[in-house]
Each structure stands twice: as structure tokens, then as C-alpha cells.
Amino acid sequence: MQTISLPDLQSSLPKLAQTVLEGEWLVIPFGGKKMVLHLADDETASPMREQGYFEDCLDDESIALDNLAAAQSPQTMVP
């Protein structure tokens, strides 16, 4: 896994794109977070699901119970 700054990425994009195409993972620190670039083949990529796929997973009573439990959970702020 290779880490590269955004300015360095901009100046050597073609070379780094080839590196990613060859299977290397690329980490780009940006705004206090890390972006990771990696190509996945069709077998490992997550399939896209059509809109409404999970619509029947929970009924209204289950959702109400989940919301009640969440409302009663301790609330803490994480920096």
C-alpha cells in the first residue's frame, strides 16, 4: 500500500493510475481523513441493488422498537 499526498498525486497521475490498475492500493491523506483507491474485479465488487430492495425487511413495529431502543441509549459525542 502506497501513501501519497494530493499535490504529488496531481503531478504524477498517469503513473499512479497505472499502479492502481496493476492492483496496488493507494492511500491519499486529505482533510484529516484517508481516501483509498483500489480496483476490484466484478467477482469481489458489491452488486448494486435496485431502489426498494430492503423495503420489506422491517415492519413498522420493528422500526418503532429500534427507534425506542436508540432513544434510550447513552448519547456521547465522539470528537
C-alpha atoms as a PDB file:
ATOM      1  CA  MET A   1       0.000   0.000   0.000  1.00  0.00           C
ATOM      2  CA  GLN A   2       1.418   3.326  -1.071  1.00  0.00           C
ATOM      3  CA  THR A   3       0.645   6.673   0.579  1.00  0.00           C
ATOM      4  CA  ILE A   4       0.917   9.841  -1.485  1.00  0.00           C
ATOM      5  CA  SER A   5      -0.005  13.483  -0.880  1.00  0.00           C
ATOM      6  CA  LEU A   6      -2.582  15.205  -3.057  1.00  0.00           C
ATOM      7  CA  PRO A   7      -0.036  17.575  -4.708  1.00  0.00           C
ATOM      8  CA  ASP A   8       2.201  14.613  -5.559  1.00  0.00           C
ATOM      9  CA  LEU A   9      -0.821  12.750  -6.919  1.00  0.00           C
ATOM     10  CA  GLN A  10      -1.676  15.635  -9.233  1.00  0.00           C
ATOM     11  CA  SER A  11       1.826  15.787 -10.644  1.00  0.00           C
ATOM     12  CA  SER A  12       2.151  12.057 -11.344  1.00  0.00           C
ATOM     13  CA  LEU A  13      -1.416  10.884 -12.015  1.00  0.00           C
ATOM     14  CA  PRO A  14      -0.736   8.726 -15.126  1.00  0.00           C
ATOM     15  CA  LYS A  15       1.974   6.728 -13.338  1.00  0.00           C
ATOM     16  CA  LEU A  16      -0.147   6.271 -10.206  1.00  0.00           C
ATOM     17  CA  ALA A  17      -3.210   5.287 -12.238  1.00  0.00           C
ATOM     18  CA  GLN A  18      -1.140   2.514 -13.800  1.00  0.00           C
ATOM     19  CA  THR A  19      -0.019   1.426 -10.329  1.00  0.00           C
ATOM     20  CA  VAL A  20      -3.655   1.121  -9.205  1.00  0.00           C
ATOM     21  CA  LEU A  21      -4.537  -0.754 -12.409  1.00  0.00           C
ATOM     22  CA  GLU A  22      -1.796  -3.246 -11.530  1.00  0.00           C
ATOM     23  CA  GLY A  23      -3.505  -3.985  -8.211  1.00  0.00           C
ATOM     24  CA  GLU A  24      -1.686  -1.663  -5.808  1.00  0.00           C
ATOM     25  CA  TRP A  25      -3.690   0.126  -3.116  1.00  0.00           C
ATOM     26  CA  LEU A  26      -3.177   3.888  -2.992  1.00  0.00           C
ATOM     27  CA  VAL A  27      -3.819   5.961   0.173  1.00  0.00           C
ATOM     28  CA  ILE A  28      -4.316   9.722  -0.172  1.00  0.00           C
ATOM     29  CA  PRO A  29      -4.465  11.741   3.088  1.00  0.00           C
ATOM     30  CA  PHE A  30      -6.930  14.582   2.614  1.00  0.00           C
ATOM     31  CA  GLY A  31      -8.724  16.813   5.106  1.00  0.00           C
ATOM     32  CA  GLY A  32      -7.724  14.737   8.122  1.00  0.00           C
ATOM     33  CA  LYS A  33      -9.063  11.550   6.533  1.00  0.00           C
ATOM     34  CA  LYS A  34      -7.670   8.946   4.179  1.00  0.00           C
ATOM     35  CA  MET A  35      -9.010   8.136   0.729  1.00  0.00           C
ATOM     36  CA  VAL A  36      -8.133   4.662  -0.511  1.00  0.00           C
ATOM     37  CA  LEU A  37      -8.032   3.832  -4.218  1.00  0.00           C
ATOM     38  CA  HIS A  38      -8.215   0.212  -5.270  1.00  0.00           C
ATOM     39  CA  LEU A  39      -9.781  -1.539  -8.237  1.00  0.00           C
ATOM     40  CA  ALA A  40     -11.922  -4.594  -7.611  1.00  0.00           C
ATOM     41  CA  ASP A  41     -12.916  -7.131 -10.229  1.00  0.00           C
ATOM     42  CA  ASP A  42     -16.559  -7.986 -10.828  1.00  0.00           C
ATOM     43  CA  GLU A  43     -16.382 -11.014  -8.532  1.00  0.00           C
ATOM     44  CA  THR A  44     -15.321  -9.012  -5.451  1.00  0.00           C
ATOM     45  CA  ALA A  45     -17.261  -5.805  -6.109  1.00  0.00           C
ATOM     46  CA  SER A  46     -20.543  -5.273  -4.270  1.00  0.00           C
ATOM     47  CA  PRO A  47     -23.555  -5.566  -6.553  1.00  0.00           C
ATOM     48  CA  MET A  48     -25.870  -2.598  -6.928  1.00  0.00           C
ATOM     49  CA  ARG A  49     -29.392  -3.237  -5.669  1.00  0.00           C
ATOM     50  CA  GLU A  50     -32.456  -1.656  -7.185  1.00  0.00           C
ATOM     51  CA  GLN A  51     -34.368   1.004  -5.273  1.00  0.00           C
ATOM     52  CA  GLY A  52     -36.682  -0.506  -2.641  1.00  0.00           C
ATOM     53  CA  TYR A  53     -34.651  -3.748  -2.287  1.00  0.00           C
ATOM     54  CA  PHE A  54     -34.749  -3.581   1.530  1.00  0.00           C
ATOM     55  CA  GLU A  55     -38.286  -2.164   1.721  1.00  0.00           C
ATOM     56  CA  ASP A  56     -39.843  -5.312   3.232  1.00  0.00           C
ATOM     57  CA  CYS A  57     -37.027  -6.073   5.713  1.00  0.00           C
ATOM     58  CA  LEU A  58     -38.613  -4.380   8.740  1.00  0.00           C
ATOM     59  CA  ASP A  59     -42.223  -3.752   9.628  1.00  0.00           C
ATOM     60  CA  ASP A  60     -43.459  -0.597  11.392  1.00  0.00           C
ATOM     61  CA  GLU A  61     -43.447  -2.287  14.831  1.00  0.00           C
ATOM     62  CA  SER A  62     -39.789  -3.378  14.471  1.00  0.00           C
ATOM     63  CA  ILE A  63     -38.786   0.107  13.381  1.00  0.00           C
ATOM     64  CA  ALA A  64     -40.617   1.662  16.353  1.00  0.00           C
ATOM     65  CA  LEU A  65     -38.876  -0.724  18.788  1.00  0.00           C
ATOM     66  CA  ASP A  66     -35.465   0.025  17.236  1.00  0.00           C
ATOM     67  CA  ASN A  67     -36.113   3.769  17.499  1.00  0.00           C
ATOM     68  CA  LEU A  68     -37.207   3.415  21.140  1.00  0.00           C
ATOM     69  CA  ALA A  69     -34.055   1.457  22.000  1.00  0.00           C
ATOM     70  CA  ALA A  70     -31.887   4.024  20.225  1.00  0.00           C
ATOM     71  CA  ALA A  71     -33.584   6.911  22.047  1.00  0.00           C
ATOM     72  CA  GLN A  72     -32.845   5.276  25.407  1.00  0.00           C
ATOM     73  CA  SER A  73     -29.204   4.526  24.605  1.00  0.00           C
ATOM     74  CA  PRO A  74     -26.463   6.645  26.189  1.00  0.00           C
ATOM     75  CA  GLN A  75     -25.604   9.587  23.959  1.00  0.00           C
ATOM     76  CA  THR A  76     -21.935  10.545  23.710  1.00  0.00           C
ATOM     77  CA  MET A  77     -20.161  12.846  21.303  1.00  0.00           C
ATOM     78  CA  VAL A  78     -17.086  11.439  19.631  1.00  0.00           C
ATOM     79  CA  PRO A  79     -14.551  14.036  18.510  1.00  0.00           C
END
